[in-house]
Amino acid sequence: MTPTRRTLLGLGAAGLVGTVLAACSSDSSGGDAGGGDSGETITIGFVAVGPEGAWRQANEENIQETFTQEAGFDLKYAPATSLDQKSQIDAFTSFVDEGWT
């Protein structure tokens, strides 16, 4: 993978993390962003990038443990089977096409 692609992939991953974190924050009314008492479920799509070490595995496990049905989320998780960038882009594209963003 070229440095430019690696940088773009890193920026894309950082943007995804920022989106996920924004979905976790409370709204301006002090309500629970996860739906809380409103009963509204928030759908989140997460595309795993690949096995690059224990920290990545721990991050993915944390995301799966955090965005649960009980917390008001519907997590659409696309596990990485390899570092194949095309499969990651295809998974992300399917999330966008289905309106999960």
Protein backbone atom coordinates (compact mmCIF):
# COMPACT_ATOMS: atom_id res chain seq x y z
CA MET A 1 0.00 0.00 0.00
CA THR A 2 1.41 3.39 -0.94
CA PRO A 3 1.90 6.10 1.70
CA THR A 4 -0.83 8.21 0.05
CA ARG A 5 -3.37 5.38 0.24
CA ARG A 6 -2.34 4.62 3.80
CA THR A 7 -2.87 8.29 4.71
CA LEU A 8 -6.29 8.38 3.04
CA LEU A 9 -7.31 5.15 4.75
CA GLY A 10 -6.12 6.55 8.09
CA LEU A 11 -8.09 9.76 7.57
CA GLY A 12 -11.16 7.74 6.64
CA ALA A 13 -10.80 5.63 9.79
CA ALA A 14 -10.33 8.77 11.90
CA GLY A 15 -13.47 10.26 10.37
CA LEU A 16 -15.40 7.10 11.18
CA VAL A 17 -14.21 7.19 14.78
CA GLY A 18 -15.24 10.84 15.02
CA THR A 19 -18.69 9.98 13.68
CA VAL A 20 -19.06 7.13 16.15
CA LEU A 21 -17.97 9.36 19.04
CA ALA A 22 -20.40 12.08 17.97
CA ALA A 23 -23.21 9.54 18.01
CA CYS A 24 -22.31 8.72 21.62
CA SER A 25 -22.49 12.28 22.88
CA SER A 26 -25.54 13.72 24.56
CA ASP A 27 -27.83 16.02 22.65
CA SER A 28 -28.38 19.65 23.60
CA SER A 29 -31.54 18.84 25.59
CA GLY A 30 -29.53 16.65 27.96
CA GLY A 31 -31.13 13.51 26.59
CA ASP A 32 -29.43 10.22 25.88
CA ALA A 33 -28.01 10.06 22.34
CA GLY A 34 -28.62 6.30 22.30
CA GLY A 35 -32.35 6.73 22.29
CA GLY A 36 -32.75 6.36 26.06
CA ASP A 37 -36.35 6.85 27.12
CA SER A 38 -37.51 7.84 23.64
CA GLY A 39 -37.30 4.24 22.42
CA GLU A 40 -35.59 5.39 19.23
CA THR A 41 -32.85 3.07 17.94
CA ILE A 42 -29.82 4.58 16.22
CA THR A 43 -28.23 2.48 13.47
CA ILE A 44 -24.44 2.61 13.20
CA GLY A 45 -22.32 0.95 10.52
CA PHE A 46 -18.78 -0.07 11.47
CA VAL A 47 -16.28 -1.43 8.96
CA ALA A 48 -13.35 -3.16 10.63
CA VAL A 49 -10.02 -2.36 9.00
CA GLY A 50 -8.09 -5.54 9.70
CA PRO A 51 -5.96 -7.39 12.20
CA GLU A 52 -3.07 -5.04 12.93
CA GLY A 53 -2.52 -5.90 16.56
CA ALA A 54 -4.12 -6.31 19.95
CA TRP A 55 -5.11 -2.63 20.15
CA ARG A 56 -7.24 -2.92 16.99
CA GLN A 57 -8.92 -6.09 18.29
CA ALA A 58 -9.61 -4.40 21.64
CA ASN A 59 -11.07 -1.36 19.84
CA GLU A 60 -13.40 -3.52 17.75
CA GLU A 61 -14.52 -5.48 20.81
CA ASN A 62 -15.16 -2.20 22.65
CA ILE A 63 -17.31 -0.90 19.80
CA GLN A 64 -19.35 -4.11 19.78
CA GLU A 65 -19.79 -3.99 23.57
CA THR A 66 -20.72 -0.28 23.57
CA PHE A 67 -23.20 -0.09 20.69
CA THR A 68 -25.69 -2.68 21.92
CA GLN A 69 -29.45 -2.99 21.52
CA GLU A 70 -29.77 -2.35 25.26
CA ALA A 71 -27.99 0.99 24.82
CA GLY A 72 -30.35 1.98 21.99
CA PHE A 73 -28.14 1.11 19.00
CA ASP A 74 -28.39 -1.22 16.03
CA LEU A 75 -24.75 -1.95 15.14
CA LYS A 76 -24.12 -3.10 11.59
CA TYR A 77 -20.66 -4.63 11.87
CA ALA A 78 -18.58 -5.60 8.84
CA PRO A 79 -15.64 -7.66 10.12
CA ALA A 80 -12.36 -7.53 8.23
CA THR A 81 -11.22 -10.85 6.86
CA SER A 82 -8.04 -9.38 5.42
CA LEU A 83 -6.45 -6.04 4.73
CA ASP A 84 -8.25 -5.97 1.37
CA GLN A 85 -9.15 -2.33 0.85
CA LYS A 86 -11.75 -3.13 -1.83
CA SER A 87 -13.82 -5.29 0.54
CA GLN A 88 -13.71 -2.52 3.15
CA ILE A 89 -14.87 0.09 0.63
CA ASP A 90 -17.61 -2.27 -0.59
CA ALA A 91 -18.87 -2.75 2.99
CA PHE A 92 -18.84 1.01 3.62
CA THR A 93 -20.61 1.67 0.32
CA SER A 94 -23.32 -0.85 1.20
CA PHE A 95 -23.89 0.99 4.51
CA VAL A 96 -24.26 4.30 2.68
CA ASP A 97 -26.53 2.76 0.01
CA GLU A 98 -28.81 1.39 2.72
CA GLY A 99 -28.93 4.75 4.49
CA TRP A 100 -27.01 3.77 7.66
CA THR A 101 -24.99 6.96 7.86
